[in-house]
Protein backbone atom coordinates (compact mmCIF):
# COMPACT_ATOMS: atom_id res chain seq x y z
CA UNK A 1 -0.02 -0.03 -0.02
CA UNK A 2 1.43 3.40 -0.97
CA UNK A 3 0.36 6.33 1.05
CA UNK A 4 1.09 10.25 0.40
CA UNK A 5 0.82 12.82 3.02
CA UNK A 6 1.09 16.55 2.17
CA UNK A 7 1.86 19.20 4.81
CA UNK A 8 2.96 22.37 2.95
CA UNK A 9 3.23 24.67 6.00
CA UNK A 10 5.82 25.84 8.61
CA UNK A 11 8.55 23.94 10.24
CA UNK A 12 6.61 23.25 13.39
CA UNK A 13 3.55 21.88 11.36
CA UNK A 14 5.93 19.44 9.71
CA UNK A 15 7.11 17.73 12.82
CA UNK A 16 3.42 17.58 13.91
CA UNK A 17 2.65 14.88 11.37
CA UNK A 18 5.15 12.45 12.90
CA UNK A 19 2.58 10.86 15.28
CA UNK A 20 0.30 10.27 12.36
CA UNK A 21 3.18 8.76 10.41
CA UNK A 22 4.13 6.43 13.19
CA UNK A 23 0.58 5.39 13.63
CA UNK A 24 0.34 4.37 9.98
CA UNK A 25 3.62 2.45 10.17
CA UNK A 26 2.48 0.59 13.25
CA UNK A 27 -0.94 -0.49 11.68
CA UNK A 28 0.50 -1.00 8.23
CA UNK A 29 4.16 -2.07 8.56
CA UNK A 30 4.57 -2.82 4.88
CA UNK A 31 3.13 0.53 3.65
CA UNK A 32 5.36 2.89 1.64
CA UNK A 33 4.85 6.26 3.09
CA UNK A 34 5.76 9.33 1.11
CA UNK A 35 5.61 12.78 2.81
CA UNK A 36 5.67 16.14 0.90
CA UNK A 37 6.60 19.36 2.90
CA UNK A 38 7.73 22.88 1.95
CA UNK A 39 11.34 23.18 1.10
CA UNK A 40 13.31 24.48 4.08
CA UNK A 41 11.10 22.49 6.77
CA UNK A 42 12.37 19.04 5.90
CA UNK A 43 15.29 19.00 8.32
CA UNK A 44 13.13 18.65 11.34
CA UNK A 45 11.84 15.40 9.86
CA UNK A 46 15.26 13.79 9.82
CA UNK A 47 14.42 11.92 13.01
CA UNK A 48 11.34 10.17 11.66
CA UNK A 49 12.62 6.86 10.29
CA UNK A 50 8.90 5.84 9.50
CA UNK A 51 9.02 8.08 6.37
CA UNK A 52 10.19 6.12 3.38
CA UNK A 53 10.38 9.13 0.99
CA UNK A 54 10.51 12.75 1.96
CA UNK A 55 9.96 15.15 -0.88
CA UNK A 56 9.86 19.03 -0.99
CA UNK A 57 7.79 21.49 -2.83
CA UNK A 58 9.28 24.96 -3.54
CA UNK A 59 8.87 27.55 -0.83
CA UNK A 60 6.52 30.40 -1.65
CA UNK A 61 8.05 33.69 -2.77
CA UNK A 62 5.29 36.14 -1.98
CA UNK A 63 2.59 36.97 -4.34
CA UNK A 64 4.74 36.12 -7.31
CA UNK A 65 6.37 32.70 -7.90
CA UNK A 66 9.46 32.30 -10.11
CA UNK A 67 9.38 30.08 -13.22
CA UNK A 68 12.01 27.97 -11.56
CA UNK A 69 9.54 27.24 -8.70
CA UNK A 70 6.78 26.32 -11.10
CA UNK A 71 9.22 23.98 -12.86
CA UNK A 72 10.09 22.36 -9.56
CA UNK A 73 6.54 21.89 -8.77
CA UNK A 74 5.94 20.27 -12.23
CA UNK A 75 8.83 17.93 -11.54
CA UNK A 76 7.37 16.98 -8.25
CA UNK A 77 3.87 16.29 -9.56
CA UNK A 78 5.36 14.02 -12.37
CA UNK A 79 7.36 12.17 -9.59
CA UNK A 80 4.18 11.70 -7.52
CA UNK A 81 2.13 10.45 -10.51
CA UNK A 82 4.76 7.71 -11.22
CA UNK A 83 4.10 6.34 -7.66
CA UNK A 84 0.52 5.15 -8.29
CA UNK A 85 -0.54 5.94 -4.64
CA UNK A 86 -3.40 4.16 -3.04
CA UNK A 87 -4.13 6.97 -0.66
CA UNK A 88 -3.29 10.77 -0.67
CA UNK A 89 -4.04 12.88 2.34
CA UNK A 90 -4.04 16.68 2.13
CA UNK A 91 -3.06 17.96 5.69
CA UNK A 92 -2.33 21.67 4.80
CA UNK A 93 -5.85 22.77 4.25
CA UNK A 94 -4.65 24.87 1.34
CA UNK A 95 -5.15 24.78 -2.50
CA UNK A 96 -1.55 24.09 -3.35
CA UNK A 97 -1.54 20.97 -1.29
CA UNK A 98 -4.79 19.94 -2.83
CA UNK A 99 -3.32 20.38 -6.28
CA UNK A 100 -0.48 18.02 -5.49
CA UNK A 101 -2.74 15.46 -4.07
CA UNK A 102 -5.29 15.75 -7.01
CA UNK A 103 -2.58 15.56 -9.64
CA UNK A 104 -0.96 12.57 -8.02
CA UNK A 105 -3.96 10.50 -9.15
CA UNK A 106 -4.25 8.38 -6.06
CA UNK A 107 -7.08 5.94 -5.87
CA UNK A 108 -8.40 7.63 -2.84
CA UNK A 109 -7.84 11.34 -2.17
CA UNK A 110 -8.85 12.60 1.30
CA UNK A 111 -9.03 15.98 3.14
CA UNK A 112 -10.82 17.75 5.84
CA UNK A 113 -13.50 20.38 5.45
CA UNK A 114 -14.73 20.72 9.02
CA UNK A 115 -13.62 24.30 9.37
CA UNK A 116 -12.76 25.71 5.90
CA UNK A 117 -15.38 25.10 3.33
CA UNK A 118 -14.50 22.65 0.44
CA UNK A 119 -16.05 24.10 -2.66
CA UNK A 120 -17.62 22.00 -5.53
CA UNK A 121 -14.45 22.05 -7.69
CA UNK A 122 -12.24 20.39 -5.10
CA UNK A 123 -15.07 17.95 -4.24
CA UNK A 124 -14.63 16.60 -7.80
CA UNK A 125 -11.08 15.49 -6.77
CA UNK A 126 -11.54 14.71 -3.09
CA UNK A 127 -14.35 12.02 -2.83
CA UNK A 128 -13.21 11.23 0.78
CA UNK A 129 -13.86 14.32 2.90
CA UNK A 130 -13.98 14.32 6.90
CA UNK A 131 -16.13 17.06 8.39
CA UNK A 132 -15.17 16.97 11.99
CA UNK A 133 -14.64 20.54 13.51
CA UNK A 134 -10.91 20.73 14.70
CA UNK A 135 -10.96 24.30 16.18
CA UNK A 136 -10.97 23.01 19.71
CA UNK A 137 -8.54 20.26 18.97
CA UNK A 138 -4.72 19.95 18.93
CA UNK A 139 -3.30 20.05 15.39
CA UNK A 140 -1.67 16.50 15.96
CA UNK A 141 -5.24 15.25 16.51
CA UNK A 142 -6.58 17.15 13.48
CA UNK A 143 -3.94 15.39 11.24
CA UNK A 144 -4.55 11.95 12.77
CA UNK A 145 -8.29 11.93 12.55
CA UNK A 146 -8.14 13.29 8.87
CA UNK A 147 -6.08 10.24 8.04
CA UNK A 148 -8.17 7.82 10.27
CA UNK A 149 -11.26 8.76 8.31
CA UNK A 150 -9.93 6.45 5.73
CA UNK A 151 -7.29 4.25 7.45
CA UNK A 152 -7.91 2.13 10.51
CA UNK A 153 -5.29 3.72 12.91
CA UNK A 154 -7.00 3.00 16.20
CA UNK A 155 -6.57 4.58 19.55
CA UNK A 156 -5.03 8.17 19.95
CA UNK A 157 -2.00 9.68 18.27
CA UNK A 158 1.44 8.64 19.77
CA UNK A 159 4.12 11.26 20.83
CA UNK A 160 5.98 13.25 18.54
CA UNK A 161 9.13 11.67 17.26
CA UNK A 162 12.78 12.49 16.57
CA UNK A 163 14.74 9.38 17.17
CA UNK A 164 17.89 9.73 19.26
CA UNK A 165 20.11 7.87 16.83
CA UNK A 166 19.30 10.54 14.29
CA UNK A 167 20.67 13.39 16.54
CA UNK A 168 24.01 15.02 15.73
CA UNK A 169 26.65 16.21 18.23
CA UNK A 170 27.66 19.87 17.66
CA UNK A 171 30.16 22.41 19.19
CA UNK A 172 27.60 23.17 21.99
CA UNK A 173 27.79 19.45 23.00
CA UNK A 174 31.58 19.43 22.95
CA UNK A 175 31.53 22.46 25.19
CA UNK A 176 29.48 20.74 27.90
CA UNK A 177 25.90 21.28 27.05
CA UNK A 178 24.78 18.34 29.12
CA UNK A 179 22.13 19.07 31.77
CA UNK A 180 21.92 22.68 30.79
CA UNK A 181 18.73 24.79 30.67
CA UNK A 182 18.02 25.94 26.99
CA UNK A 183 16.40 29.22 26.43
CA UNK A 184 14.88 29.75 23.00
CA UNK A 185 13.63 33.48 22.93
CA UNK A 186 13.49 34.18 19.25
CA UNK A 187 10.56 34.30 16.84
CA UNK A 188 9.96 35.90 13.46
CA UNK A 189 6.63 37.16 14.92
CA UNK A 190 6.89 40.03 17.33
CA UNK A 191 3.77 39.11 19.20
CA UNK A 192 5.34 35.84 20.19
CA UNK A 193 8.40 37.49 21.81
CA UNK A 194 8.66 37.57 25.66
CA UNK A 195 10.12 40.66 27.33
CA UNK A 196 13.98 40.55 27.04
CA UNK A 197 14.49 41.80 30.56
CA UNK A 198 12.56 38.83 31.91
CA UNK A 199 14.71 36.28 30.04
CA UNK A 200 17.70 37.98 31.78
CA UNK A 201 16.05 37.86 35.22
CA UNK A 202 15.13 34.13 34.66
CA UNK A 203 18.65 33.25 33.63
CA UNK A 204 20.23 34.91 36.56
CA UNK A 205 17.90 33.13 38.98
CA UNK A 206 18.57 29.82 37.40
CA UNK A 207 22.51 30.48 37.21
CA UNK A 208 22.25 31.42 41.09
CA UNK A 209 21.02 27.87 41.66
CA UNK A 210 23.88 26.39 39.72
CA UNK A 211 22.20 25.92 36.22
CA UNK A 212 24.03 26.51 33.07
CA UNK A 213 22.13 28.43 30.45
CA UNK A 214 22.45 27.96 26.67
CA UNK A 215 20.57 30.43 24.58
CA UNK A 216 19.58 29.14 21.20
CA UNK A 217 19.01 31.38 18.18
CA UNK A 218 18.03 31.17 14.62
CA UNK A 219 20.13 32.58 11.74
CA UNK A 220 18.44 35.80 11.55
CA UNK A 221 20.55 38.83 12.62
CA UNK A 222 17.90 40.12 14.97
CA UNK A 223 17.78 36.72 16.78
CA UNK A 224 21.43 36.56 17.08
CA UNK A 225 21.58 39.94 18.63
CA UNK A 226 18.79 39.09 21.05
CA UNK A 227 20.54 35.96 22.13
CA UNK A 228 23.89 37.84 22.74
CA UNK A 229 22.10 40.60 24.60
CA UNK A 230 20.43 37.95 27.01
CA UNK A 231 23.76 36.07 27.49
CA UNK A 232 25.50 39.40 28.33
CA UNK A 233 22.74 40.40 30.70
CA UNK A 234 22.79 37.00 32.58
CA UNK A 235 26.59 36.98 32.85
CA UNK A 236 28.69 34.15 34.00
CA UNK A 237 27.19 30.70 33.35
CA UNK A 238 25.30 31.63 30.12
CA UNK A 239 26.45 31.06 26.57
CA UNK A 240 24.92 31.54 23.13
CA UNK A 241 24.92 29.11 20.17
CA UNK A 242 26.07 32.05 18.01
CA UNK A 243 24.57 30.42 15.03
CA UNK A 244 21.56 28.39 14.11
CA UNK A 245 21.98 24.50 14.97
CA UNK A 246 20.79 22.15 12.41
CA UNK A 247 17.73 20.35 13.72
CA UNK A 248 19.57 17.11 14.35
CA UNK A 249 22.24 19.11 16.21
CA UNK A 250 19.41 20.84 18.29
CA UNK A 251 17.84 17.43 18.96
CA UNK A 252 21.14 16.32 20.47
CA UNK A 253 21.17 19.23 22.75
CA UNK A 254 17.63 18.74 23.77
CA UNK A 255 18.23 15.03 24.49
CA UNK A 256 20.85 15.88 27.06
CA UNK A 257 19.26 19.21 28.42
CA UNK A 258 17.66 19.50 31.76
CA UNK A 259 14.89 21.76 30.51
CA UNK A 260 13.81 24.07 27.64
CA UNK A 261 12.12 27.47 28.18
CA UNK A 262 10.72 28.66 24.83
CA UNK A 263 8.29 30.93 23.08
CA UNK A 264 5.73 29.13 20.71
CA UNK A 265 8.10 27.89 17.90
CA UNK A 266 9.16 24.70 16.20
CA UNK A 267 11.80 24.33 18.84
CA UNK A 268 9.06 23.65 21.29
CA UNK A 269 7.83 20.89 19.17
CA UNK A 270 11.20 19.35 18.70
CA UNK A 271 11.54 19.27 22.54
CA UNK A 272 8.33 17.36 22.77
CA UNK A 273 9.69 14.89 20.05
CA UNK A 274 12.76 14.48 22.35
CA UNK A 275 10.67 14.39 25.49
CA UNK A 276 12.65 17.23 26.96
CA UNK A 277 10.79 18.97 29.77
CA UNK A 278 9.47 22.26 28.48
CA UNK A 279 7.98 25.48 29.77
CA UNK A 280 6.22 27.03 26.79
CA UNK A 281 5.32 30.75 26.67
CA UNK A 282 2.28 31.58 24.46
CA UNK A 283 0.86 34.96 23.24
CA UNK A 284 -2.03 35.27 20.86
CA UNK A 285 -2.01 31.68 19.47
CA UNK A 286 -4.35 29.26 21.19
CA UNK A 287 -2.17 27.10 23.33
CA UNK A 288 -4.84 24.19 23.15
CA UNK A 289 -4.07 23.72 19.35
CA UNK A 290 -0.25 24.03 19.56
CA UNK A 291 0.99 23.16 23.07
CA UNK A 292 3.76 20.46 23.46
CA UNK A 293 2.15 17.12 22.57
CA UNK A 294 2.25 14.30 25.19
CA UNK A 295 5.45 15.44 26.84
CA UNK A 296 6.41 16.82 30.22
CA UNK A 297 5.52 20.41 30.00
CA UNK A 298 3.92 23.49 31.35
CA UNK A 299 2.15 26.23 29.14
CA UNK A 300 1.96 29.84 30.32
CA UNK A 301 -0.22 32.20 28.40
CA UNK A 302 -2.01 35.51 28.79
CA UNK A 303 -5.08 33.97 27.15
CA UNK A 304 -7.15 31.01 27.86
CA UNK A 305 -6.10 27.70 26.44
CA UNK A 306 -8.31 28.17 23.42
CA UNK A 307 -7.69 31.78 22.90
CA UNK A 308 -10.39 33.08 25.24
CA UNK A 309 -9.64 36.86 26.16
CA UNK A 310 -10.08 37.85 29.79
CA UNK A 311 -10.71 41.49 30.62
CA UNK A 312 -7.00 41.95 31.73
CA UNK A 313 -5.66 40.39 28.48
CA UNK A 314 -7.97 42.49 26.30
CA UNK A 315 -6.09 45.60 27.46
CA UNK A 316 -2.84 43.96 26.35
CA UNK A 317 -1.49 44.39 22.82
CA UNK A 318 0.82 41.61 23.47
CA UNK A 319 -0.74 39.00 26.00
CA UNK A 320 2.54 37.14 26.36
CA UNK A 321 3.73 40.03 28.56
CA UNK A 322 1.29 38.84 31.26
CA UNK A 323 3.59 35.89 31.79
CA UNK A 324 5.93 36.76 34.60
CA UNK A 325 9.39 35.59 35.51
CA UNK A 326 7.97 34.33 38.78
CA UNK A 327 5.44 32.20 36.99
CA UNK A 328 8.13 30.66 34.87
CA UNK A 329 10.15 29.75 37.92
CA UNK A 330 6.97 28.26 39.43
CA UNK A 331 6.40 26.15 36.35
CA UNK A 332 9.94 24.82 36.42
CA UNK A 333 9.64 23.86 40.15
CA UNK A 334 6.41 22.01 39.23
CA UNK A 335 7.98 20.05 36.55
CA UNK A 336 10.88 19.15 38.95
CA UNK A 337 8.55 18.23 41.59
CA UNK A 338 6.77 15.79 39.38
CA UNK A 339 10.05 14.14 38.62
CA UNK A 340 10.02 15.13 35.01
CA UNK A 341 13.42 13.57 33.90
CA UNK A 342 14.66 14.56 30.48
CA UNK A 343 13.82 12.38 27.69
CA UNK A 344 12.42 9.60 29.81
CA UNK A 345 9.99 8.39 27.10
CA UNK A 346 11.85 9.44 24.04
CA UNK A 347 12.25 6.91 21.23
CA UNK A 348 15.74 5.52 20.68
């Protein structure tokens, strides 16, 4: 049986399909599973060995797309058509992913129309349409149930996965990153950023307890500058990655780390895949849809779990600013009191 999954979204969305992929592999061990993601997001799936073929679609280039991108998409479509898939599942909820599934000419093409309306044109291609409402559901559950509409997966989605043997050592590991507390403060979205001074205060409180802090940053210049300022503010006992680690290298760090404190980014989901205890700081995004999936964690948000706005939050342009340093320290203490040891349930 040949199965196609398309997920043409951001990096965090890509790793969220790993529970569904592993559920398919467990139920149908002989199946050939092909996954198509957006170019630039494939690295975070390096630890998912249940994927037989990982293909990439060209990343979008704003309103206009280059001829080269269109040519790459055409090549991908021709490659998909040669596979003669039995099932194709569109999990991006977007027209581009639907085109790939439609033109792959699978025997069964399936998508979800429980939130976004599926017009009559797309219904000509997708004869299998699930209609459950996933607004009050984690995105892992949404993908799992979309596939389970056609395939007997049974039970509930397993944890996310980045297998330990696929992790790669880096200069951070060589410099003694074991049992450190990792900070991941950066995001391309300003509304997701926590106050810089609170990162520094948190780091000082933890280093006073003997913790070593590693501040992880992305490649963007503003993220690098933010990481360096936080390290400088914390002082002794803190260091910065100084460059973006690859996803396998970051997984290696998370497998040995004591804890991750992060804003809502792909790093949060990778930590869940490595079963690294995590304190996740949310802003406007509904934490119920995106929180760490089935891993030791605490979620702190200025809004309710499903984005409900309280009177105090309504007066905030950035609800994440309602999260205090003290509340993060309390969340860390709660995880430690529960005995949340790093990576206790991580796949090997």
